[in-house]
């Protein structure tokens, strides 16, 4: 018999509805079609704005349009009492299908982020979840000020999005928007793309 396994997955959300969607998921979590969902994460960062001449703090999402859910897969026992990997995968797909149906019934929730023609639902590596949580902590100092973790000209690697695994150099830092422009080579040509701070890491 296999052990209980927990994995994180990306869920697509209607724009600017991440917190509301999290509330809906949390309310249904642990029961019905979402009985295998054990946690919900919306990574945010604190920043400051000026309102009516006063400096006030606010929060914004690291990944607009997305949140993360943790799915718990129960211990699995095959018919011949052997932990068969193919049966285990089929078992996990069935659970993910059930969770997907449950998510799609909720307001503002599109469903799991899928990949490829087969629309595979792939988990996020735990190291990436740890990095995301760590990045949130790194960007906030004792006073709650956000820090800029990159400098112009620095070599970086893209770790999220359609240009994942591409490398390039920081061309411009858009501090107020928590974004930067990176020069990368795509199909043999240099192109500048705009990314969130959390989408890149230092090389």
C-alpha atoms as a PDB file:
ATOM      1  CA  UNK A   1       0.000   0.000   0.000  1.00  0.00           C
ATOM      2  CA  UNK A   2       1.359   3.415  -0.938  1.00  0.00           C
ATOM      3  CA  UNK A   3       1.567   6.433   1.345  1.00  0.00           C
ATOM      4  CA  UNK A   4      -0.651   9.504   1.318  1.00  0.00           C
ATOM      5  CA  UNK A   5       0.710  11.986  -1.240  1.00  0.00           C
ATOM      6  CA  UNK A   6       0.148  15.745  -1.456  1.00  0.00           C
ATOM      7  CA  UNK A   7       0.776  17.771  -4.625  1.00  0.00           C
ATOM      8  CA  UNK A   8       0.251  21.405  -5.612  1.00  0.00           C
ATOM      9  CA  UNK A   9      -1.505  22.428  -8.841  1.00  0.00           C
ATOM     10  CA  UNK A  10      -2.146  25.716 -10.649  1.00  0.00           C
ATOM     11  CA  UNK A  11      -5.764  26.842 -11.026  1.00  0.00           C
ATOM     12  CA  UNK A  12      -6.872  29.485 -13.524  1.00  0.00           C
ATOM     13  CA  UNK A  13      -9.070  32.259 -12.153  1.00  0.00           C
ATOM     14  CA  UNK A  14     -11.043  35.066 -13.784  1.00  0.00           C
ATOM     15  CA  UNK A  15      -8.913  38.221 -13.561  1.00  0.00           C
ATOM     16  CA  UNK A  16      -8.796  40.061 -10.227  1.00  0.00           C
ATOM     17  CA  UNK A  17     -11.034  37.459  -8.574  1.00  0.00           C
ATOM     18  CA  UNK A  18      -8.295  35.404  -6.903  1.00  0.00           C
ATOM     19  CA  UNK A  19      -9.252  36.193  -3.314  1.00  0.00           C
ATOM     20  CA  UNK A  20     -12.955  35.653  -3.926  1.00  0.00           C
ATOM     21  CA  UNK A  21     -12.212  32.371  -5.694  1.00  0.00           C
ATOM     22  CA  UNK A  22     -10.040  31.302  -2.771  1.00  0.00           C
ATOM     23  CA  UNK A  23     -12.946  31.939  -0.404  1.00  0.00           C
ATOM     24  CA  UNK A  24     -15.267  29.774  -2.503  1.00  0.00           C
ATOM     25  CA  UNK A  25     -12.713  26.963  -2.716  1.00  0.00           C
ATOM     26  CA  UNK A  26     -11.929  27.151   1.004  1.00  0.00           C
ATOM     27  CA  UNK A  27     -15.627  26.969   1.839  1.00  0.00           C
ATOM     28  CA  UNK A  28     -16.055  23.766  -0.197  1.00  0.00           C
ATOM     29  CA  UNK A  29     -12.643  22.326   0.643  1.00  0.00           C
ATOM     30  CA  UNK A  30     -12.655  18.892   2.241  1.00  0.00           C
ATOM     31  CA  UNK A  31     -16.156  17.934   1.137  1.00  0.00           C
ATOM     32  CA  UNK A  32     -18.018  16.815  -1.963  1.00  0.00           C
ATOM     33  CA  UNK A  33     -16.045  17.033  -5.202  1.00  0.00           C
ATOM     34  CA  UNK A  34     -13.354  19.046  -3.401  1.00  0.00           C
ATOM     35  CA  UNK A  35     -12.895  16.632  -0.517  1.00  0.00           C
ATOM     36  CA  UNK A  36      -9.320  15.962  -1.635  1.00  0.00           C
ATOM     37  CA  UNK A  37      -8.314  19.651  -1.665  1.00  0.00           C
ATOM     38  CA  UNK A  38      -6.316  20.330   1.494  1.00  0.00           C
ATOM     39  CA  UNK A  39      -4.977  23.879   1.027  1.00  0.00           C
ATOM     40  CA  UNK A  40      -5.311  26.989  -1.157  1.00  0.00           C
ATOM     41  CA  UNK A  41      -2.574  29.545  -1.793  1.00  0.00           C
ATOM     42  CA  UNK A  42      -2.737  33.028  -3.332  1.00  0.00           C
ATOM     43  CA  UNK A  43       0.814  34.459  -3.186  1.00  0.00           C
ATOM     44  CA  UNK A  44       0.760  38.202  -2.513  1.00  0.00           C
ATOM     45  CA  UNK A  45       3.184  40.989  -1.740  1.00  0.00           C
ATOM     46  CA  UNK A  46       2.793  44.220   0.201  1.00  0.00           C
ATOM     47  CA  UNK A  47       3.441  47.601  -1.400  1.00  0.00           C
ATOM     48  CA  UNK A  48       2.668  51.259  -0.717  1.00  0.00           C
ATOM     49  CA  UNK A  49       0.506  53.794  -2.536  1.00  0.00           C
ATOM     50  CA  UNK A  50      -0.363  57.439  -1.921  1.00  0.00           C
ATOM     51  CA  UNK A  51      -4.050  58.107  -1.266  1.00  0.00           C
ATOM     52  CA  UNK A  52      -5.330  61.553  -0.326  1.00  0.00           C
ATOM     53  CA  UNK A  53      -1.775  62.600   0.370  1.00  0.00           C
ATOM     54  CA  UNK A  54      -1.171  59.707   2.762  1.00  0.00           C
ATOM     55  CA  UNK A  55       1.054  56.671   2.339  1.00  0.00           C
ATOM     56  CA  UNK A  56      -0.981  53.495   2.828  1.00  0.00           C
ATOM     57  CA  UNK A  57      -0.116  49.836   2.375  1.00  0.00           C
ATOM     58  CA  UNK A  58      -1.868  47.484  -0.029  1.00  0.00           C
ATOM     59  CA  UNK A  59      -1.444  43.968  -1.385  1.00  0.00           C
ATOM     60  CA  UNK A  60      -1.244  42.585  -4.897  1.00  0.00           C
ATOM     61  CA  UNK A  61      -1.001  39.112  -6.339  1.00  0.00           C
ATOM     62  CA  UNK A  62       2.230  37.638  -7.622  1.00  0.00           C
ATOM     63  CA  UNK A  63       0.370  35.626 -10.262  1.00  0.00           C
ATOM     64  CA  UNK A  64      -2.725  37.535 -11.455  1.00  0.00           C
ATOM     65  CA  UNK A  65      -5.311  35.133 -12.811  1.00  0.00           C
ATOM     66  CA  UNK A  66      -3.983  32.112 -10.933  1.00  0.00           C
ATOM     67  CA  UNK A  67      -3.930  30.469  -7.527  1.00  0.00           C
ATOM     68  CA  UNK A  68      -2.559  27.190  -6.193  1.00  0.00           C
ATOM     69  CA  UNK A  69      -4.407  24.282  -4.594  1.00  0.00           C
ATOM     70  CA  UNK A  70      -2.939  21.350  -2.724  1.00  0.00           C
ATOM     71  CA  UNK A  71      -4.547  18.000  -3.529  1.00  0.00           C
ATOM     72  CA  UNK A  72      -4.210  15.083  -1.122  1.00  0.00           C
ATOM     73  CA  UNK A  73      -4.135  11.628  -2.712  1.00  0.00           C
ATOM     74  CA  UNK A  74      -5.131   8.848  -0.272  1.00  0.00           C
ATOM     75  CA  UNK A  75      -3.017   5.749   0.234  1.00  0.00           C
ATOM     76  CA  UNK A  76      -3.475   3.489  -2.778  1.00  0.00           C
ATOM     77  CA  UNK A  77      -3.798  -0.303  -2.754  1.00  0.00           C
ATOM     78  CA  UNK A  78      -3.897  -2.216  -6.042  1.00  0.00           C
ATOM     79  CA  UNK A  79      -5.867  -5.418  -6.573  1.00  0.00           C
ATOM     80  CA  UNK A  80      -2.787  -7.608  -6.208  1.00  0.00           C
ATOM     81  CA  UNK A  81      -1.565  -5.662  -3.160  1.00  0.00           C
ATOM     82  CA  UNK A  82       1.272  -4.210  -5.225  1.00  0.00           C
ATOM     83  CA  UNK A  83       1.882  -0.493  -5.646  1.00  0.00           C
ATOM     84  CA  UNK A  84       1.602  -0.521  -9.436  1.00  0.00           C
ATOM     85  CA  UNK A  85       2.697   2.847 -10.865  1.00  0.00           C
ATOM     86  CA  UNK A  86       0.287   2.779 -13.818  1.00  0.00           C
ATOM     87  CA  UNK A  87      -2.662   2.024 -11.543  1.00  0.00           C
ATOM     88  CA  UNK A  88      -1.504   4.723  -9.166  1.00  0.00           C
ATOM     89  CA  UNK A  89      -1.389   7.272 -11.991  1.00  0.00           C
ATOM     90  CA  UNK A  90      -4.866   6.278 -13.119  1.00  0.00           C
ATOM     91  CA  UNK A  91      -6.072   6.606  -9.529  1.00  0.00           C
ATOM     92  CA  UNK A  92      -4.593  10.122  -9.305  1.00  0.00           C
ATOM     93  CA  UNK A  93      -6.134  11.143 -12.637  1.00  0.00           C
ATOM     94  CA  UNK A  94      -9.559  10.079 -11.380  1.00  0.00           C
ATOM     95  CA  UNK A  95      -9.164  12.239  -8.285  1.00  0.00           C
ATOM     96  CA  UNK A  96      -7.929  15.197 -10.336  1.00  0.00           C
ATOM     97  CA  UNK A  97     -10.901  14.799 -12.669  1.00  0.00           C
ATOM     98  CA  UNK A  98     -13.264  14.938  -9.716  1.00  0.00           C
ATOM     99  CA  UNK A  99     -11.528  18.015  -8.303  1.00  0.00           C
ATOM    100  CA  UNK A 100     -11.577  19.650 -11.747  1.00  0.00           C
ATOM    101  CA  UNK A 101     -15.348  19.168 -11.952  1.00  0.00           C
ATOM    102  CA  UNK A 102     -15.740  20.637  -8.482  1.00  0.00           C
ATOM    103  CA  UNK A 103     -13.606  23.669  -9.288  1.00  0.00           C
ATOM    104  CA  UNK A 104     -15.516  24.420 -12.479  1.00  0.00           C
ATOM    105  CA  UNK A 105     -18.779  24.587 -10.550  1.00  0.00           C
ATOM    106  CA  UNK A 106     -17.492  27.518  -8.476  1.00  0.00           C
ATOM    107  CA  UNK A 107     -17.880  31.191  -9.474  1.00  0.00           C
ATOM    108  CA  UNK A 108     -14.803  32.867 -11.007  1.00  0.00           C
ATOM    109  CA  UNK A 109     -12.900  29.557 -11.282  1.00  0.00           C
ATOM    110  CA  UNK A 110     -11.879  28.307 -14.747  1.00  0.00           C
ATOM    111  CA  UNK A 111     -10.216  25.082 -13.563  1.00  0.00           C
ATOM    112  CA  UNK A 112      -6.790  23.471 -13.479  1.00  0.00           C
ATOM    113  CA  UNK A 113      -4.088  24.852 -15.748  1.00  0.00           C
ATOM    114  CA  UNK A 114      -3.490  22.184 -18.401  1.00  0.00           C
ATOM    115  CA  UNK A 115      -0.588  21.588 -20.781  1.00  0.00           C
ATOM    116  CA  UNK A 116      -0.235  20.261 -24.315  1.00  0.00           C
ATOM    117  CA  UNK A 117      -2.720  18.720 -26.694  1.00  0.00           C
ATOM    118  CA  UNK A 118      -3.610  16.098 -24.106  1.00  0.00           C
ATOM    119  CA  UNK A 119      -4.482  18.890 -21.646  1.00  0.00           C
ATOM    120  CA  UNK A 120      -2.441  17.203 -18.954  1.00  0.00           C
ATOM    121  CA  UNK A 121      -2.827  18.412 -15.377  1.00  0.00           C
ATOM    122  CA  UNK A 122       0.719  18.521 -14.049  1.00  0.00           C
ATOM    123  CA  UNK A 123       1.738  19.284 -10.461  1.00  0.00           C
ATOM    124  CA  UNK A 124       4.010  22.118  -9.402  1.00  0.00           C
ATOM    125  CA  UNK A 125       7.274  20.938  -7.888  1.00  0.00           C
ATOM    126  CA  UNK A 126       7.383  21.392  -4.122  1.00  0.00           C
ATOM    127  CA  UNK A 127      10.664  23.256  -4.562  1.00  0.00           C
ATOM    128  CA  UNK A 128       8.818  25.807  -6.719  1.00  0.00           C
ATOM    129  CA  UNK A 129       6.119  26.256  -4.079  1.00  0.00           C
ATOM    130  CA  UNK A 130       8.836  26.736  -1.463  1.00  0.00           C
ATOM    131  CA  UNK A 131      10.562  29.243  -3.752  1.00  0.00           C
ATOM    132  CA  UNK A 132       7.331  31.178  -4.262  1.00  0.00           C
ATOM    133  CA  UNK A 133       6.714  31.362  -0.543  1.00  0.00           C
ATOM    134  CA  UNK A 134      10.331  32.281   0.065  1.00  0.00           C
ATOM    135  CA  UNK A 135      10.248  35.004  -2.607  1.00  0.00           C
ATOM    136  CA  UNK A 136       7.257  36.610  -0.908  1.00  0.00           C
ATOM    137  CA  UNK A 137       9.197  36.757   2.347  1.00  0.00           C
ATOM    138  CA  UNK A 138      12.346  38.060   0.659  1.00  0.00           C
ATOM    139  CA  UNK A 139      10.571  41.006  -0.968  1.00  0.00           C
ATOM    140  CA  UNK A 140       9.252  42.370   2.308  1.00  0.00           C
ATOM    141  CA  UNK A 141      11.575  43.885   4.903  1.00  0.00           C
ATOM    142  CA  UNK A 142      10.818  44.681   8.539  1.00  0.00           C
ATOM    143  CA  UNK A 143       8.847  47.817   7.634  1.00  0.00           C
ATOM    144  CA  UNK A 144       6.877  46.094   4.916  1.00  0.00           C
ATOM    145  CA  UNK A 145       8.755  47.882   2.121  1.00  0.00           C
ATOM    146  CA  UNK A 146       9.204  45.902  -1.076  1.00  0.00           C
ATOM    147  CA  UNK A 147      12.753  45.414  -2.313  1.00  0.00           C
ATOM    148  CA  UNK A 148      13.985  45.160  -5.893  1.00  0.00           C
ATOM    149  CA  UNK A 149      15.848  41.830  -6.150  1.00  0.00           C
ATOM    150  CA  UNK A 150      17.397  42.515  -9.594  1.00  0.00           C
ATOM    151  CA  UNK A 151      19.659  45.070 -11.291  1.00  0.00           C
ATOM    152  CA  UNK A 152      19.881  46.209 -14.916  1.00  0.00           C
ATOM    153  CA  UNK A 153      22.295  44.073 -16.926  1.00  0.00           C
ATOM    154  CA  UNK A 154      22.001  41.089 -14.603  1.00  0.00           C
ATOM    155  CA  UNK A 155      21.752  37.606 -16.135  1.00  0.00           C
ATOM    156  CA  UNK A 156      18.482  35.861 -15.273  1.00  0.00           C
ATOM    157  CA  UNK A 157      16.639  32.667 -16.139  1.00  0.00           C
ATOM    158  CA  UNK A 158      12.899  32.537 -16.769  1.00  0.00           C
ATOM    159  CA  UNK A 159      11.228  29.940 -14.543  1.00  0.00           C
ATOM    160  CA  UNK A 160       7.545  30.491 -15.294  1.00  0.00           C
ATOM    161  CA  UNK A 161       5.340  31.195 -18.287  1.00  0.00           C
ATOM    162  CA  UNK A 162       5.589  30.468 -22.021  1.00  0.00           C
ATOM    163  CA  UNK A 163       9.298  31.388 -22.117  1.00  0.00           C
ATOM    164  CA  UNK A 164      10.259  29.113 -19.221  1.00  0.00           C
ATOM    165  CA  UNK A 165      13.938  27.979 -19.263  1.00  0.00           C
ATOM    166  CA  UNK A 166      14.996  30.861 -21.545  1.00  0.00           C
ATOM    167  CA  UNK A 167      17.921  32.955 -20.284  1.00  0.00           C
ATOM    168  CA  UNK A 168      18.524  36.656 -20.822  1.00  0.00           C
ATOM    169  CA  UNK A 169      19.598  39.953 -19.311  1.00  0.00           C
ATOM    170  CA  UNK A 170      17.601  42.566 -17.440  1.00  0.00           C
ATOM    171  CA  UNK A 171      17.045  45.581 -19.709  1.00  0.00           C
ATOM    172  CA  UNK A 172      14.753  47.644 -17.512  1.00  0.00           C
ATOM    173  CA  UNK A 173      13.173  47.420 -14.058  1.00  0.00           C
ATOM    174  CA  UNK A 174       9.575  48.592 -13.629  1.00  0.00           C
ATOM    175  CA  UNK A 175       9.714  48.932  -9.857  1.00  0.00           C
ATOM    176  CA  UNK A 176       6.215  50.271  -9.236  1.00  0.00           C
ATOM    177  CA  UNK A 177       4.658  47.438 -11.241  1.00  0.00           C
ATOM    178  CA  UNK A 178       6.992  44.792  -9.767  1.00  0.00           C
ATOM    179  CA  UNK A 179       8.022  43.811 -13.285  1.00  0.00           C
ATOM    180  CA  UNK A 180      11.132  43.867 -15.428  1.00  0.00           C
ATOM    181  CA  UNK A 181      12.001  43.743 -19.112  1.00  0.00           C
ATOM    182  CA  UNK A 182      14.348  40.966 -20.168  1.00  0.00           C
ATOM    183  CA  UNK A 183      16.251  40.644 -23.438  1.00  0.00           C
ATOM    184  CA  UNK A 184      16.141  37.054 -24.691  1.00  0.00           C
ATOM    185  CA  UNK A 185      16.983  35.339 -27.962  1.00  0.00           C
ATOM    186  CA  UNK A 186      13.902  33.726 -29.542  1.00  0.00           C
ATOM    187  CA  UNK A 187      14.194  31.876 -32.853  1.00  0.00           C
ATOM    188  CA  UNK A 188      17.593  33.451 -33.390  1.00  0.00           C
ATOM    189  CA  UNK A 189      16.380  37.011 -32.835  1.00  0.00           C
ATOM    190  CA  UNK A 190      16.709  39.214 -29.775  1.00  0.00           C
ATOM    191  CA  UNK A 191      13.395  40.144 -28.200  1.00  0.00           C
ATOM    192  CA  UNK A 192      12.422  42.079 -25.084  1.00  0.00           C
ATOM    193  CA  UNK A 193       9.689  40.510 -22.951  1.00  0.00           C
ATOM    194  CA  UNK A 194       8.025  41.821 -19.815  1.00  0.00           C
ATOM    195  CA  UNK A 195       7.879  39.546 -16.767  1.00  0.00           C
ATOM    196  CA  UNK A 196       6.880  39.609 -13.107  1.00  0.00           C
ATOM    197  CA  UNK A 197       9.697  39.495 -10.563  1.00  0.00           C
ATOM    198  CA  UNK A 198       8.520  36.039  -9.495  1.00  0.00           C
ATOM    199  CA  UNK A 199       8.853  34.663 -13.035  1.00  0.00           C
ATOM    200  CA  UNK A 200      12.651  34.915 -13.108  1.00  0.00           C
ATOM    201  CA  UNK A 201      15.596  33.922 -10.972  1.00  0.00           C
ATOM    202  CA  UNK A 202      19.229  34.982 -10.936  1.00  0.00           C
ATOM    203  CA  UNK A 203      21.624  32.798 -12.909  1.00  0.00           C
END
